[in-house]
Amino acid sequence: MLEIPNHTHQKAGEVSLEEIRDLLGDCKRCGLSEVRNNIVFGKGNPHARILIIGEAPGKNEDLEGKPFVGKAGKDLDKYLLEAGIDPNDIYIANVVKCRPPENRNPKAEEISTCTPFLREQIRSIWPDFIVTLGNFSSKFLLKTDKGITALRGQVFEIGHFKVLPIFHPAAAIYDRSKADYIKQDFALLKSLL
C-alpha cells in the first residue's frame, strides 16, 4: 500500500506540488508504468482558484508528459477563453497519471493506487472550484453512480470545495450538441467566481 504522509493537520498549500511530484517519482506502483511513455502529473497555476480534473492521459499527453495537449485540450482552452477564464490561471490534472492502453477506462486498482496523489494535489492547490470533466472524474469525486448528463450544470459542495461537473471537451468532438452545454457550464463557473 502506498504511504503518503497525512497532511490533514497542515494548512492548505503547505505541501507543494513539487514535493508531491517528487514523492510520485518514477512511479511503478501499478501496471500502467509498463506501457506509458511519461507520467502526466499536472500543469498550471499552483495557486489556482480553479482545478480541472480529467480522467486519464491520452496518446498526446503520454508523449508530452502534460495533460490536455491534444484536440480536447485545445478545445478546453477555447471554452475557457470564451467564458472569460484565462487558461493560465487554472491547474489541470487527471484521476490517473499514466495512459491506459488503447485509452481504455482505468481499472479500480489503478485508480486506488493513483488517487492519493490527486488528493494531495487538491490539498496543495486548495482551489475554490473543482471542475470534473466527464463521467469518470465526476463519478469519482462526487462518489455517485449518476452520469455526467444528470450531474452537469449543478454545483455540489464537498467540504471546502465547490464541484462543477462539465462534459469532457472530447465528448463535443463526437457530439457537437454537447458544445453548447460546455459553454453554458463554463459561463456558469465564471459567474460563480
C-alpha atoms as a PDB file:
ATOM      1  CA  MET A   1       0.000   0.000   0.000  1.00  0.00           C
ATOM      2  CA  LEU A   2       1.213   3.471  -0.886  1.00  0.00           C
ATOM      3  CA  GLU A   3       2.306   5.600   2.031  1.00  0.00           C
ATOM      4  CA  ILE A   4       1.525   9.258   1.557  1.00  0.00           C
ATOM      5  CA  PRO A   5       2.023  11.436   4.607  1.00  0.00           C
ATOM      6  CA  ASN A   6      -1.254  12.623   6.090  1.00  0.00           C
ATOM      7  CA  HIS A   7      -1.257  16.393   5.817  1.00  0.00           C
ATOM      8  CA  THR A   8      -4.743  16.993   7.201  1.00  0.00           C
ATOM      9  CA  HIS A   9      -3.217  18.731  10.220  1.00  0.00           C
ATOM     10  CA  GLN A  10      -1.465  21.234   7.976  1.00  0.00           C
ATOM     11  CA  LYS A  11      -2.884  24.320   6.379  1.00  0.00           C
ATOM     12  CA  ALA A  12      -3.885  24.118   2.743  1.00  0.00           C
ATOM     13  CA  GLY A  13      -0.991  24.621   0.399  1.00  0.00           C
ATOM     14  CA  GLU A  14       1.729  23.714   2.905  1.00  0.00           C
ATOM     15  CA  VAL A  15       2.718  20.724   0.809  1.00  0.00           C
ATOM     16  CA  SER A  16       3.973  21.879  -2.565  1.00  0.00           C
ATOM     17  CA  LEU A  17       3.148  20.277  -5.883  1.00  0.00           C
ATOM     18  CA  GLU A  18       6.910  19.718  -6.322  1.00  0.00           C
ATOM     19  CA  GLU A  19       7.014  17.682  -3.102  1.00  0.00           C
ATOM     20  CA  ILE A  20       4.065  15.576  -4.277  1.00  0.00           C
ATOM     21  CA  ARG A  21       5.680  15.084  -7.701  1.00  0.00           C
ATOM     22  CA  ASP A  22       8.957  14.075  -6.016  1.00  0.00           C
ATOM     23  CA  LEU A  23       7.076  11.539  -3.900  1.00  0.00           C
ATOM     24  CA  LEU A  24       5.481  10.103  -7.054  1.00  0.00           C
ATOM     25  CA  GLY A  25       8.960   9.681  -8.538  1.00  0.00           C
ATOM     26  CA  ASP A  26       9.265   7.287 -11.485  1.00  0.00           C
ATOM     27  CA  CYS A  27       6.136   5.506 -10.282  1.00  0.00           C
ATOM     28  CA  LYS A  28       5.997   1.733 -10.751  1.00  0.00           C
ATOM     29  CA  ARG A  29       3.092   1.195  -8.349  1.00  0.00           C
ATOM     30  CA  CYS A  30       0.751  -0.312 -10.985  1.00  0.00           C
ATOM     31  CA  GLY A  31       0.912  -1.978 -14.390  1.00  0.00           C
ATOM     32  CA  LEU A  32       0.358   1.276 -16.291  1.00  0.00           C
ATOM     33  CA  SER A  33       4.029   2.077 -15.668  1.00  0.00           C
ATOM     34  CA  GLU A  34       4.942  -0.729 -18.077  1.00  0.00           C
ATOM     35  CA  VAL A  35       3.040   0.784 -21.021  1.00  0.00           C
ATOM     36  CA  ARG A  36       3.385   4.542 -20.524  1.00  0.00           C
ATOM     37  CA  ASN A  37       5.947   6.889 -22.015  1.00  0.00           C
ATOM     38  CA  ASN A  38       5.598   9.631 -19.402  1.00  0.00           C
ATOM     39  CA  ILE A  39       3.867  10.290 -16.109  1.00  0.00           C
ATOM     40  CA  VAL A  40       1.367  13.100 -16.630  1.00  0.00           C
ATOM     41  CA  PHE A  41       1.303  14.812 -13.242  1.00  0.00           C
ATOM     42  CA  GLY A  42      -0.464  18.086 -13.995  1.00  0.00           C
ATOM     43  CA  LYS A  43       0.165  21.627 -15.164  1.00  0.00           C
ATOM     44  CA  GLY A  44      -0.810  25.168 -14.411  1.00  0.00           C
ATOM     45  CA  ASN A  45      -1.018  27.699 -11.634  1.00  0.00           C
ATOM     46  CA  PRO A  46      -0.168  26.064  -8.270  1.00  0.00           C
ATOM     47  CA  HIS A  47      -2.405  28.653  -6.545  1.00  0.00           C
ATOM     48  CA  ALA A  48      -5.314  28.378  -8.982  1.00  0.00           C
ATOM     49  CA  ARG A  49      -8.855  29.154  -7.931  1.00  0.00           C
ATOM     50  CA  ILE A  50      -9.985  26.500 -10.443  1.00  0.00           C
ATOM     51  CA  LEU A  51      -8.719  22.921 -10.554  1.00  0.00           C
ATOM     52  CA  ILE A  52      -9.862  20.927 -13.583  1.00  0.00           C
ATOM     53  CA  ILE A  53      -9.780  17.146 -13.266  1.00  0.00           C
ATOM     54  CA  GLY A  54      -9.935  14.833 -16.251  1.00  0.00           C
ATOM     55  CA  GLU A  55      -9.886  11.039 -16.404  1.00  0.00           C
ATOM     56  CA  ALA A  56      -6.522   9.872 -17.716  1.00  0.00           C
ATOM     57  CA  PRO A  57      -3.876  10.965 -20.181  1.00  0.00           C
ATOM     58  CA  GLY A  58      -4.374  10.197 -23.860  1.00  0.00           C
ATOM     59  CA  LYS A  59      -1.770   9.493 -26.527  1.00  0.00           C
ATOM     60  CA  ASN A  60      -0.547  13.089 -26.949  1.00  0.00           C
ATOM     61  CA  GLU A  61      -0.442  13.659 -23.203  1.00  0.00           C
ATOM     62  CA  ASP A  62       1.544  10.456 -22.691  1.00  0.00           C
ATOM     63  CA  LEU A  63       4.066  11.542 -25.318  1.00  0.00           C
ATOM     64  CA  GLU A  64       4.474  15.099 -23.957  1.00  0.00           C
ATOM     65  CA  GLY A  65       4.062  14.390 -20.239  1.00  0.00           C
ATOM     66  CA  LYS A  66       1.461  17.164 -19.866  1.00  0.00           C
ATOM     67  CA  PRO A  67      -2.337  16.971 -19.540  1.00  0.00           C
ATOM     68  CA  PHE A  68      -4.743  18.211 -22.206  1.00  0.00           C
ATOM     69  CA  VAL A  69      -2.301  18.959 -25.018  1.00  0.00           C
ATOM     70  CA  GLY A  70      -4.288  17.308 -27.833  1.00  0.00           C
ATOM     71  CA  LYS A  71      -7.501  18.336 -29.606  1.00  0.00           C
ATOM     72  CA  ALA A  72      -9.598  18.158 -26.416  1.00  0.00           C
ATOM     73  CA  GLY A  73      -7.039  20.372 -24.657  1.00  0.00           C
ATOM     74  CA  LYS A  74      -7.153  22.982 -27.397  1.00  0.00           C
ATOM     75  CA  ASP A  75     -10.959  22.909 -27.225  1.00  0.00           C
ATOM     76  CA  LEU A  76     -10.814  23.224 -23.426  1.00  0.00           C
ATOM     77  CA  ASP A  77      -8.661  26.359 -23.748  1.00  0.00           C
ATOM     78  CA  LYS A  78     -11.162  27.755 -26.282  1.00  0.00           C
ATOM     79  CA  TYR A  79     -14.126  27.132 -23.930  1.00  0.00           C
ATOM     80  CA  LEU A  80     -12.263  28.760 -21.037  1.00  0.00           C
ATOM     81  CA  LEU A  81     -11.326  31.824 -23.080  1.00  0.00           C
ATOM     82  CA  GLU A  82     -14.894  32.190 -24.418  1.00  0.00           C
ATOM     83  CA  ALA A  83     -16.119  32.225 -20.805  1.00  0.00           C
ATOM     84  CA  GLY A  84     -13.550  34.869 -19.860  1.00  0.00           C
ATOM     85  CA  ILE A  85     -11.298  32.492 -17.903  1.00  0.00           C
ATOM     86  CA  ASP A  86      -7.570  32.618 -18.618  1.00  0.00           C
ATOM     87  CA  PRO A  87      -6.265  29.044 -19.138  1.00  0.00           C
ATOM     88  CA  ASN A  88      -3.025  30.162 -17.455  1.00  0.00           C
ATOM     89  CA  ASP A  89      -4.955  30.805 -14.224  1.00  0.00           C
ATOM     90  CA  ILE A  90      -6.122  27.215 -13.767  1.00  0.00           C
ATOM     91  CA  TYR A  91      -4.459  23.963 -12.732  1.00  0.00           C
ATOM     92  CA  ILE A  92      -5.300  20.750 -14.543  1.00  0.00           C
ATOM     93  CA  ALA A  93      -4.720  17.134 -13.539  1.00  0.00           C
ATOM     94  CA  ASN A  94      -6.218  13.682 -14.088  1.00  0.00           C
ATOM     95  CA  VAL A  95      -7.597  10.961 -11.851  1.00  0.00           C
ATOM     96  CA  VAL A  96      -4.755   8.670 -13.004  1.00  0.00           C
ATOM     97  CA  LYS A  97      -1.329   9.888 -14.052  1.00  0.00           C
ATOM     98  CA  CYS A  98      -0.468   7.319 -16.745  1.00  0.00           C
ATOM     99  CA  ARG A  99      -2.196   6.482 -20.016  1.00  0.00           C
ATOM    100  CA  PRO A 100      -4.230   3.280 -20.008  1.00  0.00           C
ATOM    101  CA  PRO A 101      -3.535   1.209 -23.144  1.00  0.00           C
ATOM    102  CA  GLU A 102      -5.825   1.999 -26.095  1.00  0.00           C
ATOM    103  CA  ASN A 103      -7.362   4.768 -23.938  1.00  0.00           C
ATOM    104  CA  ARG A 104      -9.425   2.208 -22.033  1.00  0.00           C
ATOM    105  CA  ASN A 105     -11.030   3.230 -18.745  1.00  0.00           C
ATOM    106  CA  PRO A 106      -8.668   2.984 -15.779  1.00  0.00           C
ATOM    107  CA  LYS A 107      -9.127  -0.128 -13.629  1.00  0.00           C
ATOM    108  CA  ALA A 108     -10.193   0.128  -9.986  1.00  0.00           C
ATOM    109  CA  GLU A 109      -6.743  -0.864  -8.692  1.00  0.00           C
ATOM    110  CA  GLU A 110      -5.057   1.735 -10.914  1.00  0.00           C
ATOM    111  CA  ILE A 111      -7.374   4.396  -9.550  1.00  0.00           C
ATOM    112  CA  SER A 112      -6.888   3.413  -5.913  1.00  0.00           C
ATOM    113  CA  THR A 113      -3.110   3.429  -6.422  1.00  0.00           C
ATOM    114  CA  CYS A 114      -3.060   6.838  -8.095  1.00  0.00           C
ATOM    115  CA  THR A 115      -5.739   8.920  -6.402  1.00  0.00           C
ATOM    116  CA  PRO A 116      -3.792   9.619  -3.185  1.00  0.00           C
ATOM    117  CA  PHE A 117      -1.591  11.829  -5.376  1.00  0.00           C
ATOM    118  CA  LEU A 118      -4.663  13.630  -6.761  1.00  0.00           C
ATOM    119  CA  ARG A 119      -5.964  14.170  -3.218  1.00  0.00           C
ATOM    120  CA  GLU A 120      -2.632  15.709  -2.261  1.00  0.00           C
ATOM    121  CA  GLN A 121      -2.713  17.929  -5.372  1.00  0.00           C
ATOM    122  CA  ILE A 122      -6.166  19.168  -4.326  1.00  0.00           C
ATOM    123  CA  ARG A 123      -4.892  19.894  -0.798  1.00  0.00           C
ATOM    124  CA  SER A 124      -1.832  21.690  -2.133  1.00  0.00           C
ATOM    125  CA  ILE A 125      -3.730  23.899  -4.588  1.00  0.00           C
ATOM    126  CA  TRP A 126      -6.792  24.364  -2.353  1.00  0.00           C
ATOM    127  CA  PRO A 127      -8.957  25.722  -5.193  1.00  0.00           C
ATOM    128  CA  ASP A 128     -12.302  27.443  -4.791  1.00  0.00           C
ATOM    129  CA  PHE A 129     -13.789  25.333  -7.589  1.00  0.00           C
ATOM    130  CA  ILE A 130     -13.082  21.866  -8.895  1.00  0.00           C
ATOM    131  CA  VAL A 131     -14.327  21.191 -12.418  1.00  0.00           C
ATOM    132  CA  THR A 132     -14.719  17.499 -13.180  1.00  0.00           C
ATOM    133  CA  LEU A 133     -14.656  16.729 -16.887  1.00  0.00           C
ATOM    134  CA  GLY A 134     -16.850  13.839 -17.986  1.00  0.00           C
ATOM    135  CA  ASN A 135     -18.362  10.803 -16.312  1.00  0.00           C
ATOM    136  CA  PHE A 136     -15.267   9.318 -14.862  1.00  0.00           C
ATOM    137  CA  SER A 137     -13.856  12.135 -12.765  1.00  0.00           C
ATOM    138  CA  SER A 138     -17.364  13.333 -11.809  1.00  0.00           C
ATOM    139  CA  LYS A 139     -18.439   9.934 -10.506  1.00  0.00           C
ATOM    140  CA  PHE A 140     -15.122   9.503  -8.700  1.00  0.00           C
ATOM    141  CA  LEU A 141     -15.045  12.882  -6.972  1.00  0.00           C
ATOM    142  CA  LEU A 142     -18.763  13.022  -6.138  1.00  0.00           C
ATOM    143  CA  LYS A 143     -18.889   9.328  -5.181  1.00  0.00           C
ATOM    144  CA  THR A 144     -22.027   8.767  -7.250  1.00  0.00           C
ATOM    145  CA  ASP A 145     -23.301   6.428  -9.936  1.00  0.00           C
ATOM    146  CA  LYS A 146     -25.102   9.277 -11.721  1.00  0.00           C
ATOM    147  CA  GLY A 147     -23.768  10.108 -15.149  1.00  0.00           C
ATOM    148  CA  ILE A 148     -22.452  13.446 -16.366  1.00  0.00           C
ATOM    149  CA  THR A 149     -25.696  14.249 -18.215  1.00  0.00           C
ATOM    150  CA  ALA A 150     -27.595  14.203 -14.896  1.00  0.00           C
ATOM    151  CA  LEU A 151     -24.822  15.999 -12.973  1.00  0.00           C
ATOM    152  CA  ARG A 152     -23.740  18.815 -15.309  1.00  0.00           C
ATOM    153  CA  GLY A 153     -24.914  22.347 -14.750  1.00  0.00           C
ATOM    154  CA  GLN A 154     -25.126  21.886 -10.975  1.00  0.00           C
ATOM    155  CA  VAL A 155     -22.726  22.929  -8.236  1.00  0.00           C
ATOM    156  CA  PHE A 156     -22.014  20.402  -5.495  1.00  0.00           C
ATOM    157  CA  GLU A 157     -20.238  21.072  -2.199  1.00  0.00           C
ATOM    158  CA  ILE A 158     -17.655  18.666  -0.848  1.00  0.00           C
ATOM    159  CA  GLY A 159     -16.203  20.135   2.311  1.00  0.00           C
ATOM    160  CA  HIS A 160     -14.423  23.385   1.396  1.00  0.00           C
ATOM    161  CA  PHE A 161     -14.733  22.735  -2.324  1.00  0.00           C
ATOM    162  CA  LYS A 162     -17.426  23.546  -4.831  1.00  0.00           C
ATOM    163  CA  VAL A 163     -17.545  20.950  -7.619  1.00  0.00           C
ATOM    164  CA  LEU A 164     -18.959  21.669 -11.071  1.00  0.00           C
ATOM    165  CA  PRO A 165     -19.245  18.656 -13.400  1.00  0.00           C
ATOM    166  CA  ILE A 166     -18.938  19.544 -17.100  1.00  0.00           C
ATOM    167  CA  PHE A 167     -18.983  17.394 -20.231  1.00  0.00           C
ATOM    168  CA  HIS A 168     -15.478  16.451 -21.326  1.00  0.00           C
ATOM    169  CA  PRO A 169     -14.414  18.536 -24.347  1.00  0.00           C
ATOM    170  CA  ALA A 170     -13.762  15.289 -26.231  1.00  0.00           C
ATOM    171  CA  ALA A 171     -17.497  14.492 -25.984  1.00  0.00           C
ATOM    172  CA  ALA A 172     -18.244  17.585 -28.083  1.00  0.00           C
ATOM    173  CA  ILE A 173     -15.797  16.439 -30.754  1.00  0.00           C
ATOM    174  CA  TYR A 174     -18.080  13.456 -31.406  1.00  0.00           C
ATOM    175  CA  ASP A 175     -21.404  15.092 -30.485  1.00  0.00           C
ATOM    176  CA  ARG A 176     -21.451  18.809 -31.352  1.00  0.00           C
ATOM    177  CA  SER A 177     -24.682  19.335 -29.379  1.00  0.00           C
ATOM    178  CA  LYS A 178     -22.638  18.995 -26.178  1.00  0.00           C
ATOM    179  CA  ALA A 179     -20.558  22.076 -27.060  1.00  0.00           C
ATOM    180  CA  ASP A 180     -23.437  24.398 -26.071  1.00  0.00           C
ATOM    181  CA  TYR A 181     -23.706  22.720 -22.661  1.00  0.00           C
ATOM    182  CA  ILE A 182     -19.950  23.032 -22.130  1.00  0.00           C
ATOM    183  CA  LYS A 183     -20.112  26.743 -22.985  1.00  0.00           C
ATOM    184  CA  GLN A 184     -23.080  27.243 -20.620  1.00  0.00           C
ATOM    185  CA  ASP A 185     -21.300  25.457 -17.778  1.00  0.00           C
ATOM    186  CA  PHE A 186     -18.065  27.413 -18.131  1.00  0.00           C
ATOM    187  CA  ALA A 187     -20.130  30.622 -18.262  1.00  0.00           C
ATOM    188  CA  LEU A 188     -21.792  29.475 -15.011  1.00  0.00           C
ATOM    189  CA  LEU A 189     -18.353  28.876 -13.496  1.00  0.00           C
ATOM    190  CA  LYS A 190     -17.234  32.384 -14.500  1.00  0.00           C
ATOM    191  CA  SER A 191     -20.348  33.902 -12.919  1.00  0.00           C
ATOM    192  CA  LEU A 192     -19.687  31.998  -9.660  1.00  0.00           C
ATOM    193  CA  LEU A 193     -16.103  33.272  -9.469  1.00  0.00           C
END
